[in-house]
N, C-alpha and C. Protein backbone atom coordinates (compact mmCIF):
# COMPACT_ATOMS: atom_id res chain seq x y z
N MET A 1 21.44 -1.59 -32.72
CA MET A 1 20.90 -2.62 -32.50
C MET A 1 21.08 -2.79 -30.73
N GLN A 2 19.95 -3.51 -30.48
CA GLN A 2 19.63 -3.43 -28.74
C GLN A 2 20.63 -4.62 -28.79
N ASN A 3 21.03 -5.18 -26.97
CA ASN A 3 22.04 -5.90 -27.20
C ASN A 3 21.49 -7.03 -25.99
N LYS A 4 21.85 -8.33 -26.38
CA LYS A 4 21.61 -9.21 -25.64
C LYS A 4 21.87 -9.33 -24.36
N GLU A 5 22.61 -8.71 -23.61
CA GLU A 5 23.26 -8.55 -22.57
C GLU A 5 22.12 -8.21 -21.31
N SER A 6 21.15 -7.42 -21.73
CA SER A 6 20.63 -6.96 -21.13
C SER A 6 19.08 -7.78 -21.21
N ILE A 7 18.81 -9.09 -21.71
CA ILE A 7 17.63 -10.27 -21.44
C ILE A 7 18.30 -11.09 -20.16
N THR A 8 17.00 -11.22 -19.20
CA THR A 8 17.27 -12.05 -18.11
C THR A 8 15.88 -12.59 -18.18
N LEU A 9 16.35 -13.94 -17.38
CA LEU A 9 15.56 -15.17 -17.34
C LEU A 9 14.86 -14.72 -15.86
N LYS A 10 14.08 -15.34 -15.77
CA LYS A 10 13.30 -15.50 -14.06
C LYS A 10 12.27 -16.28 -14.07
N PRO A 11 12.33 -17.26 -12.89
CA PRO A 11 11.77 -18.38 -12.51
C PRO A 11 10.62 -18.06 -12.71
N CYS A 12 9.31 -19.06 -13.45
CA CYS A 12 7.68 -18.29 -13.36
C CYS A 12 7.52 -19.36 -12.21
N THR A 13 6.35 -18.90 -11.72
CA THR A 13 5.49 -19.45 -10.70
C THR A 13 4.10 -19.88 -10.86
N ASN A 14 3.44 -20.04 -10.23
CA ASN A 14 2.13 -20.73 -10.86
C ASN A 14 1.13 -19.86 -10.97
N GLU A 15 1.39 -18.49 -10.57
CA GLU A 15 0.32 -16.89 -11.17
C GLU A 15 0.84 -17.06 -12.82
N ASP A 16 1.38 -17.41 -13.13
CA ASP A 16 1.76 -17.59 -15.03
C ASP A 16 1.19 -18.63 -15.56
N ILE A 17 0.55 -19.57 -15.39
CA ILE A 17 0.18 -21.13 -15.46
C ILE A 17 -0.95 -20.43 -16.73
N GLU A 18 -1.64 -19.48 -16.48
CA GLU A 18 -3.03 -19.07 -16.61
C GLU A 18 -2.03 -17.97 -18.32
N SER A 19 -1.20 -17.38 -17.87
CA SER A 19 -0.86 -15.98 -19.45
C SER A 19 -0.16 -17.41 -19.87
N ILE A 20 0.63 -18.30 -19.73
CA ILE A 20 0.78 -19.08 -20.80
C ILE A 20 0.49 -19.97 -21.62
N TYR A 21 -0.68 -20.51 -20.72
CA TYR A 21 -1.52 -21.26 -21.70
C TYR A 21 -2.41 -20.70 -22.54
N LYS A 22 -3.03 -19.34 -22.28
CA LYS A 22 -3.74 -18.45 -23.52
C LYS A 22 -2.58 -18.49 -24.62
N MET A 23 -1.27 -17.77 -24.41
CA MET A 23 -0.14 -17.74 -25.63
C MET A 23 -0.37 -18.93 -26.27
N SER A 24 -0.19 -19.94 -25.71
CA SER A 24 -0.29 -21.83 -26.30
C SER A 24 -1.11 -21.81 -27.28
N VAL A 25 -2.45 -21.22 -26.58
CA VAL A 25 -3.95 -21.51 -27.21
C VAL A 25 -3.61 -20.76 -28.37
N LYS A 26 -3.68 -19.26 -28.25
CA LYS A 26 -3.39 -18.36 -29.02
C LYS A 26 -2.68 -18.54 -30.85
N LEU A 27 -1.83 -19.33 -30.12
CA LEU A 27 -0.68 -19.88 -31.32
C LEU A 27 -1.47 -20.98 -31.79
N ILE A 28 -1.73 -21.85 -31.63
CA ILE A 28 -2.08 -23.21 -31.83
C ILE A 28 -3.60 -22.55 -32.62
N ASP A 29 -4.34 -21.75 -32.20
CA ASP A 29 -5.52 -21.20 -33.17
C ASP A 29 -4.81 -20.50 -34.17
N ARG A 30 -3.88 -20.21 -34.18
CA ARG A 30 -3.27 -19.48 -35.33
C ARG A 30 -2.48 -20.15 -36.34
N PHE A 31 -2.16 -20.89 -35.86
CA PHE A 31 -1.68 -22.24 -37.03
C PHE A 31 -2.00 -23.73 -37.21
N GLU A 32 -2.74 -24.37 -36.51
CA GLU A 32 -3.30 -25.50 -36.45
C GLU A 32 -4.57 -25.46 -36.56
N VAL A 33 -5.31 -26.36 -37.10
CA VAL A 33 -6.79 -26.66 -37.65
C VAL A 33 -7.19 -28.06 -36.59
N LEU A 34 -7.70 -27.65 -35.76
CA LEU A 34 -8.02 -28.87 -35.00
C LEU A 34 -9.61 -28.88 -34.94
N ASP A 35 -10.45 -30.60 -35.23
CA ASP A 35 -11.34 -30.45 -35.02
C ASP A 35 -11.86 -30.36 -33.63
N VAL A 36 -12.94 -30.56 -33.50
CA VAL A 36 -13.72 -29.85 -31.76
C VAL A 36 -13.31 -31.37 -30.77
N LYS A 37 -13.32 -32.64 -31.64
CA LYS A 37 -12.72 -33.47 -30.50
C LYS A 37 -11.66 -33.54 -30.51
N THR A 38 -10.70 -33.32 -30.96
CA THR A 38 -9.54 -33.21 -30.81
C THR A 38 -8.92 -32.04 -30.39
N ARG A 39 -9.40 -30.69 -30.24
CA ARG A 39 -8.99 -29.54 -29.18
C ARG A 39 -9.46 -30.03 -27.89
N LYS A 40 -10.57 -30.30 -27.51
CA LYS A 40 -11.43 -31.03 -26.26
C LYS A 40 -10.19 -31.73 -25.79
N THR A 41 -9.22 -32.71 -26.26
CA THR A 41 -8.36 -33.29 -25.85
C THR A 41 -7.25 -32.71 -25.24
N LYS A 42 -6.65 -31.95 -26.45
CA LYS A 42 -5.74 -31.44 -26.38
C LYS A 42 -5.20 -29.96 -25.92
N LEU A 43 -5.87 -29.45 -26.02
CA LEU A 43 -6.08 -28.36 -24.68
C LEU A 43 -5.89 -28.50 -23.33
N PRO A 44 -6.84 -29.15 -22.66
CA PRO A 44 -5.94 -29.94 -21.28
C PRO A 44 -4.48 -30.60 -21.05
N GLU A 45 -4.46 -31.36 -22.46
CA GLU A 45 -2.91 -31.42 -22.47
C GLU A 45 -2.00 -30.53 -22.23
N ILE A 46 -1.94 -29.41 -22.62
CA ILE A 46 -1.47 -28.49 -23.15
C ILE A 46 -1.15 -27.45 -21.54
N LYS A 47 -2.81 -27.64 -20.55
CA LYS A 47 -2.66 -26.70 -19.46
C LYS A 47 -1.56 -27.59 -18.75
N LYS A 48 -2.32 -28.85 -18.72
CA LYS A 48 -1.41 -29.89 -17.33
C LYS A 48 0.04 -29.88 -17.75
N LYS A 49 0.73 -29.74 -19.01
CA LYS A 49 2.04 -30.08 -19.18
C LYS A 49 2.90 -28.51 -18.76
N ILE A 50 2.01 -27.18 -18.94
CA ILE A 50 2.58 -26.43 -18.71
C ILE A 50 2.51 -26.40 -17.24
N GLU A 51 1.24 -26.75 -16.25
CA GLU A 51 1.54 -26.90 -14.75
C GLU A 51 2.26 -27.76 -14.23
N SER A 52 2.54 -29.03 -15.00
CA SER A 52 3.36 -29.97 -14.69
C SER A 52 4.78 -29.71 -14.80
N ASN A 53 5.06 -28.50 -15.46
CA ASN A 53 6.61 -27.79 -15.82
C ASN A 53 6.87 -26.60 -15.48
N ILE A 54 5.77 -25.96 -14.96
CA ILE A 54 6.16 -24.44 -14.23
C ILE A 54 7.64 -24.50 -13.91
N SER A 55 8.10 -24.95 -13.45
CA SER A 55 9.49 -24.66 -12.94
C SER A 55 10.66 -24.95 -14.06
N SER A 56 10.25 -25.40 -15.47
CA SER A 56 10.96 -24.90 -16.17
C SER A 56 10.85 -23.93 -16.99
N TYR A 57 9.45 -23.09 -16.55
CA TYR A 57 9.44 -22.05 -17.66
C TYR A 57 9.96 -20.76 -16.94
N HIS A 58 10.70 -19.80 -17.75
CA HIS A 58 11.12 -18.70 -17.42
C HIS A 58 10.47 -17.52 -17.77
N ARG A 59 10.07 -16.05 -17.02
CA ARG A 59 9.81 -14.65 -17.76
C ARG A 59 11.26 -14.46 -18.40
N ILE A 60 10.79 -13.82 -19.63
CA ILE A 60 11.92 -13.09 -20.59
C ILE A 60 11.42 -11.56 -20.00
N TYR A 61 12.78 -11.26 -19.38
CA TYR A 61 12.91 -9.76 -19.35
C TYR A 61 13.82 -9.11 -20.51
N LYS A 62 13.63 -7.64 -20.87
CA LYS A 62 14.54 -7.08 -21.28
C LYS A 62 14.35 -5.49 -20.60
N ASP A 63 15.86 -4.88 -19.79
CA ASP A 63 15.48 -3.97 -19.27
C ASP A 63 14.50 -3.84 -18.15
N GLU A 64 14.08 -5.08 -17.56
CA GLU A 64 13.06 -5.00 -16.38
C GLU A 64 11.64 -4.88 -17.50
N LYS A 65 11.42 -4.99 -18.13
CA LYS A 65 10.33 -4.98 -18.82
C LYS A 65 10.24 -6.82 -19.30
N HIS A 66 8.62 -7.19 -18.88
CA HIS A 66 8.57 -8.75 -19.13
C HIS A 66 7.70 -8.68 -20.59
N LEU A 67 8.85 -9.46 -21.21
CA LEU A 67 8.33 -9.38 -22.44
C LEU A 67 7.79 -10.79 -23.02
N GLY A 68 7.66 -12.06 -22.28
CA GLY A 68 6.98 -12.94 -22.57
C GLY A 68 7.71 -14.18 -21.94
N TYR A 69 7.71 -15.78 -22.28
CA TYR A 69 8.00 -16.73 -21.58
C TYR A 69 8.24 -17.86 -22.69
N VAL A 70 9.60 -18.34 -21.72
CA VAL A 70 10.29 -19.17 -22.24
C VAL A 70 10.40 -20.63 -21.53
N TYR A 71 10.38 -21.93 -22.36
CA TYR A 71 10.38 -22.87 -21.75
C TYR A 71 11.37 -23.66 -21.91
N LEU A 72 12.93 -23.79 -21.43
CA LEU A 72 13.69 -24.68 -21.78
C LEU A 72 14.14 -25.78 -20.88
N GLN A 73 14.33 -26.76 -21.71
CA GLN A 73 15.14 -28.23 -21.16
C GLN A 73 15.86 -28.01 -21.38
N GLU A 74 17.15 -28.90 -20.87
CA GLU A 74 18.41 -29.22 -20.73
C GLU A 74 18.84 -30.63 -20.10
N ASP A 75 19.22 -31.12 -21.46
CA ASP A 75 20.01 -32.61 -20.72
C ASP A 75 21.16 -32.91 -21.38
N SER A 76 21.66 -34.07 -20.79
CA SER A 76 23.03 -33.91 -20.96
C SER A 76 23.51 -33.90 -22.85
N LYS A 77 22.68 -33.65 -24.03
CA LYS A 77 23.00 -33.98 -25.19
C LYS A 77 22.75 -32.40 -26.20
N HIS A 78 21.58 -31.61 -25.25
CA HIS A 78 21.23 -30.43 -26.16
C HIS A 78 20.15 -29.74 -24.67
N ILE A 79 19.67 -28.60 -25.70
CA ILE A 79 18.91 -27.77 -24.77
C ILE A 79 17.96 -27.52 -25.74
N GLU A 80 16.61 -27.72 -25.31
CA GLU A 80 15.00 -27.56 -26.03
C GLU A 80 14.70 -26.42 -25.83
N VAL A 81 13.95 -25.96 -26.66
CA VAL A 81 13.16 -24.29 -26.61
C VAL A 81 11.89 -25.56 -26.81
N ASN A 82 11.15 -25.63 -25.67
CA ASN A 82 9.62 -26.24 -25.80
C ASN A 82 8.59 -25.37 -26.06
N ASP A 83 8.36 -24.03 -25.70
CA ASP A 83 7.78 -23.17 -25.84
C ASP A 83 8.57 -21.71 -25.78
N PHE A 84 8.10 -20.42 -26.75
CA PHE A 84 8.55 -19.20 -26.68
C PHE A 84 7.46 -18.21 -26.93
N PHE A 85 7.12 -17.76 -26.16
CA PHE A 85 6.32 -16.57 -26.55
C PHE A 85 6.43 -15.22 -26.44
N LEU A 86 6.16 -14.19 -27.02
CA LEU A 86 6.36 -12.91 -26.77
C LEU A 86 5.24 -12.42 -26.60
N PHE A 87 4.95 -11.52 -25.51
CA PHE A 87 3.82 -10.59 -25.45
C PHE A 87 3.22 -9.62 -26.94
N GLU A 88 2.34 -9.70 -27.25
CA GLU A 88 1.77 -9.12 -28.61
C GLU A 88 2.71 -7.42 -28.81
N ASP A 89 2.69 -7.11 -27.65
CA ASP A 89 3.21 -5.50 -27.91
C ASP A 89 4.76 -5.64 -28.12
N TYR A 90 5.44 -6.62 -28.28
CA TYR A 90 6.70 -6.48 -28.55
C TYR A 90 6.98 -7.52 -29.61
N GLU A 91 6.37 -7.99 -30.27
CA GLU A 91 6.15 -9.05 -31.24
C GLU A 91 6.87 -7.47 -32.48
N LYS A 92 7.80 -8.04 -33.37
CA LYS A 92 7.64 -7.55 -35.03
C LYS A 92 9.07 -6.19 -34.14
N LYS A 93 9.44 -5.90 -33.19
CA LYS A 93 10.35 -4.74 -32.75
C LYS A 93 11.67 -5.35 -32.31
N SER A 94 12.08 -6.56 -33.16
CA SER A 94 13.92 -7.04 -33.32
C SER A 94 13.96 -7.88 -32.02
N LEU A 95 13.10 -7.73 -31.06
CA LEU A 95 13.31 -8.57 -30.07
C LEU A 95 13.22 -9.85 -29.88
N GLY A 96 12.64 -10.59 -30.78
CA GLY A 96 12.39 -11.87 -30.96
C GLY A 96 14.01 -12.03 -31.16
N GLN A 97 14.51 -11.56 -32.26
CA GLN A 97 16.26 -11.94 -32.84
C GLN A 97 17.07 -11.63 -31.63
N ILE A 98 16.80 -10.41 -30.73
CA ILE A 98 17.68 -10.76 -29.43
C ILE A 98 17.47 -11.92 -28.21
N VAL A 99 16.16 -11.95 -28.15
CA VAL A 99 15.99 -13.26 -27.18
C VAL A 99 16.97 -14.63 -28.05
N VAL A 100 16.49 -15.03 -29.01
CA VAL A 100 17.06 -15.90 -29.80
C VAL A 100 18.69 -15.86 -29.82
N ASP A 101 19.19 -14.75 -30.03
CA ASP A 101 20.45 -14.70 -29.67
C ASP A 101 21.16 -14.85 -28.71
N TYR A 102 20.71 -14.64 -27.23
CA TYR A 102 20.51 -15.27 -26.06
C TYR A 102 20.40 -16.43 -25.84
N MET A 103 19.63 -17.08 -26.29
CA MET A 103 19.65 -19.02 -26.37
C MET A 103 20.82 -19.18 -27.33
N LYS A 104 20.98 -18.52 -28.07
CA LYS A 104 22.27 -19.41 -28.83
C LYS A 104 23.79 -19.33 -28.08
N ASP A 105 23.61 -18.00 -27.19
CA ASP A 105 24.57 -17.99 -26.57
C ASP A 105 24.91 -19.30 -25.52
N LEU A 106 23.35 -19.45 -25.23
CA LEU A 106 23.23 -20.45 -23.85
C LEU A 106 23.93 -21.55 -24.54
N SER A 107 23.81 -21.88 -25.88
CA SER A 107 24.18 -23.47 -26.51
C SER A 107 25.11 -23.31 -26.49
N VAL A 108 26.44 -21.89 -27.17
CA VAL A 108 27.70 -21.86 -27.20
C VAL A 108 27.97 -21.92 -25.52
N ASN A 109 27.43 -21.36 -24.83
CA ASN A 109 28.11 -21.79 -23.51
C ASN A 109 28.39 -23.13 -22.83
N TYR A 110 27.30 -23.87 -22.98
CA TYR A 110 27.23 -25.13 -22.70
C TYR A 110 27.71 -26.36 -23.92
N GLY A 111 28.26 -25.83 -25.04
CA GLY A 111 28.77 -26.48 -25.82
C GLY A 111 27.63 -27.58 -26.41
N LYS A 112 26.27 -27.44 -26.70
CA LYS A 112 25.24 -28.39 -26.75
C LYS A 112 24.08 -27.76 -28.23
N PRO A 113 23.72 -28.16 -28.51
CA PRO A 113 22.97 -27.80 -29.96
C PRO A 113 21.43 -27.40 -29.14
N LEU A 114 20.89 -26.67 -29.86
CA LEU A 114 19.54 -25.90 -29.37
C LEU A 114 18.75 -26.57 -30.22
N PHE A 115 17.73 -27.01 -30.04
CA PHE A 115 16.64 -27.28 -30.84
C PHE A 115 15.14 -26.88 -30.27
N LEU A 116 14.69 -26.44 -31.49
CA LEU A 116 13.00 -25.85 -31.36
C LEU A 116 12.24 -26.22 -32.08
N SER A 117 10.91 -25.93 -32.25
CA SER A 117 9.88 -27.09 -33.16
C SER A 117 8.90 -25.55 -33.56
N ILE A 118 8.51 -25.54 -34.58
CA ILE A 118 7.69 -24.14 -35.09
C ILE A 118 7.06 -25.04 -35.97
N PHE A 119 5.51 -24.34 -36.12
CA PHE A 119 4.75 -24.83 -37.02
C PHE A 119 5.03 -24.27 -38.70
N LYS A 120 5.04 -25.37 -39.25
CA LYS A 120 5.49 -24.90 -40.84
C LYS A 120 4.81 -23.60 -41.32
N MET A 121 3.56 -23.42 -40.94
CA MET A 121 3.08 -21.95 -41.25
C MET A 121 3.22 -20.84 -40.75
N ASP A 122 4.10 -20.74 -39.73
CA ASP A 122 4.58 -19.77 -39.21
C ASP A 122 6.29 -19.32 -39.75
N ILE A 123 6.30 -18.75 -41.06
CA ILE A 123 7.01 -18.07 -41.73
C ILE A 123 7.56 -17.07 -41.70
N SER A 124 7.54 -16.26 -40.56
CA SER A 124 7.92 -15.19 -39.97
C SER A 124 9.18 -16.21 -38.45
N SER A 125 8.76 -16.77 -38.39
CA SER A 125 9.62 -17.80 -37.25
C SER A 125 10.91 -18.40 -37.57
N PHE A 126 9.95 -19.21 -38.93
CA PHE A 126 11.52 -19.98 -39.53
C PHE A 126 12.00 -18.95 -40.37
N ASN A 127 11.78 -17.56 -40.70
CA ASN A 127 13.00 -17.08 -41.66
C ASN A 127 13.88 -16.59 -40.28
N LEU A 128 13.18 -16.00 -38.97
CA LEU A 128 14.36 -15.71 -38.05
C LEU A 128 14.79 -16.72 -37.62
N TYR A 129 14.37 -17.80 -37.51
CA TYR A 129 15.77 -18.41 -37.11
C TYR A 129 16.73 -19.29 -37.84
N PHE A 130 16.15 -19.65 -39.41
CA PHE A 130 17.02 -20.15 -40.40
C PHE A 130 18.14 -18.51 -40.54
N SER A 131 17.36 -17.32 -40.72
CA SER A 131 18.63 -16.37 -40.73
C SER A 131 19.61 -16.36 -39.44
N GLN A 132 18.95 -16.88 -38.31
CA GLN A 132 20.29 -16.90 -37.07
C GLN A 132 20.98 -18.40 -36.99
N GLY A 133 20.95 -18.79 -38.24
CA GLY A 133 21.82 -20.44 -38.23
C GLY A 133 21.15 -21.37 -37.88
N PHE A 134 20.16 -21.64 -37.64
CA PHE A 134 19.38 -22.62 -37.40
C PHE A 134 18.93 -23.24 -38.69
N ASP A 135 18.83 -25.00 -38.79
CA ASP A 135 18.74 -25.71 -39.68
C ASP A 135 17.41 -26.29 -39.69
N VAL A 136 17.01 -27.04 -40.64
CA VAL A 136 15.94 -27.60 -40.69
C VAL A 136 16.54 -29.17 -39.97
N TYR A 137 15.87 -29.47 -38.93
CA TYR A 137 16.68 -31.22 -38.22
C TYR A 137 15.62 -32.24 -38.80
N GLU A 138 14.31 -31.76 -38.82
CA GLU A 138 13.17 -32.95 -38.59
C GLU A 138 12.10 -32.36 -39.06
N CYS A 139 11.12 -33.13 -39.73
CA CYS A 139 9.74 -32.79 -39.64
C CYS A 139 8.83 -33.35 -39.19
N ILE A 140 8.21 -32.62 -38.28
CA ILE A 140 7.30 -33.56 -37.32
C ILE A 140 5.78 -33.31 -37.58
N LYS A 141 4.90 -34.85 -37.75
CA LYS A 141 3.73 -34.74 -38.44
C LYS A 141 3.51 -33.78 -39.90
N ASP A 142 2.38 -33.36 -40.19
CA ASP A 142 2.50 -32.53 -41.47
C ASP A 142 2.58 -30.86 -40.99
N PHE A 143 2.89 -30.27 -39.50
CA PHE A 143 2.58 -29.19 -39.49
C PHE A 143 3.63 -28.52 -38.55
N GLN A 144 4.28 -29.18 -38.39
CA GLN A 144 5.67 -28.89 -37.64
C GLN A 144 7.21 -29.06 -37.96
N VAL A 145 7.85 -28.43 -37.76
CA VAL A 145 9.59 -28.45 -38.13
C VAL A 145 10.09 -28.68 -37.05
N LYS A 146 11.28 -29.47 -36.95
CA LYS A 146 12.09 -28.89 -35.86
C LYS A 146 13.13 -28.32 -36.60
N MET A 147 13.79 -27.51 -35.59
CA MET A 147 15.36 -26.74 -36.18
C MET A 147 16.62 -26.47 -35.24
N ARG A 148 17.33 -26.74 -35.86
CA ARG A 148 18.79 -27.18 -34.58
C ARG A 148 19.88 -25.61 -34.94
N TYR A 149 19.68 -25.50 -34.26
CA TYR A 149 21.36 -24.53 -34.18
C TYR A 149 22.65 -25.34 -33.71
N GLN A 150 23.39 -25.40 -34.46
CA GLN A 150 24.56 -26.20 -33.56
C GLN A 150 25.85 -25.26 -33.40
N PRO A 151 26.13 -25.03 -31.95
CA PRO A 151 27.43 -24.02 -31.54
C PRO A 151 28.47 -24.69 -32.53
N ASP A 152 29.27 -23.73 -32.39
CA ASP A 152 30.77 -24.24 -33.68
C ASP A 152 31.39 -25.11 -32.46
N ASN A 153 31.81 -24.67 -31.30
CA ASN A 153 32.67 -25.52 -30.30
C ASN A 153 31.84 -26.92 -29.61
N ARG A 154 31.38 -27.90 -30.62
CA ARG A 154 31.08 -29.33 -30.64
C ARG A 154 31.92 -29.77 -29.55
């Protein structure tokens, strides 16, 4: 198995906004059913969120290959993964698991639980996180689940 030590995060820049936005829209289109009116309001909100938080987004690299993006937020109580995207070429190749291991290590090193939200219909992501020690923390609306990884060193 590949190791997580070769995962690095590098800060995103404004040049990454469009790519992150397209990946967000693709995920929404895959797992969320939006009427035209909701879509017209939600997509600009997503773009604005990305633009105003680009300094919290990171490019994910493994062995100098750009795999995707992650948006991490940390406060005094926890770390939250707000967005996590892998480029299609890197999906289904155990790289998601390696990146999740990396994020779990951050949780352990900081002694804080790690939270993330996924679409209920995204069974493969749910299975990945559940197999990696995450539990269901809460249901958000009808279409999302918030999951939590609690490090042993509380």
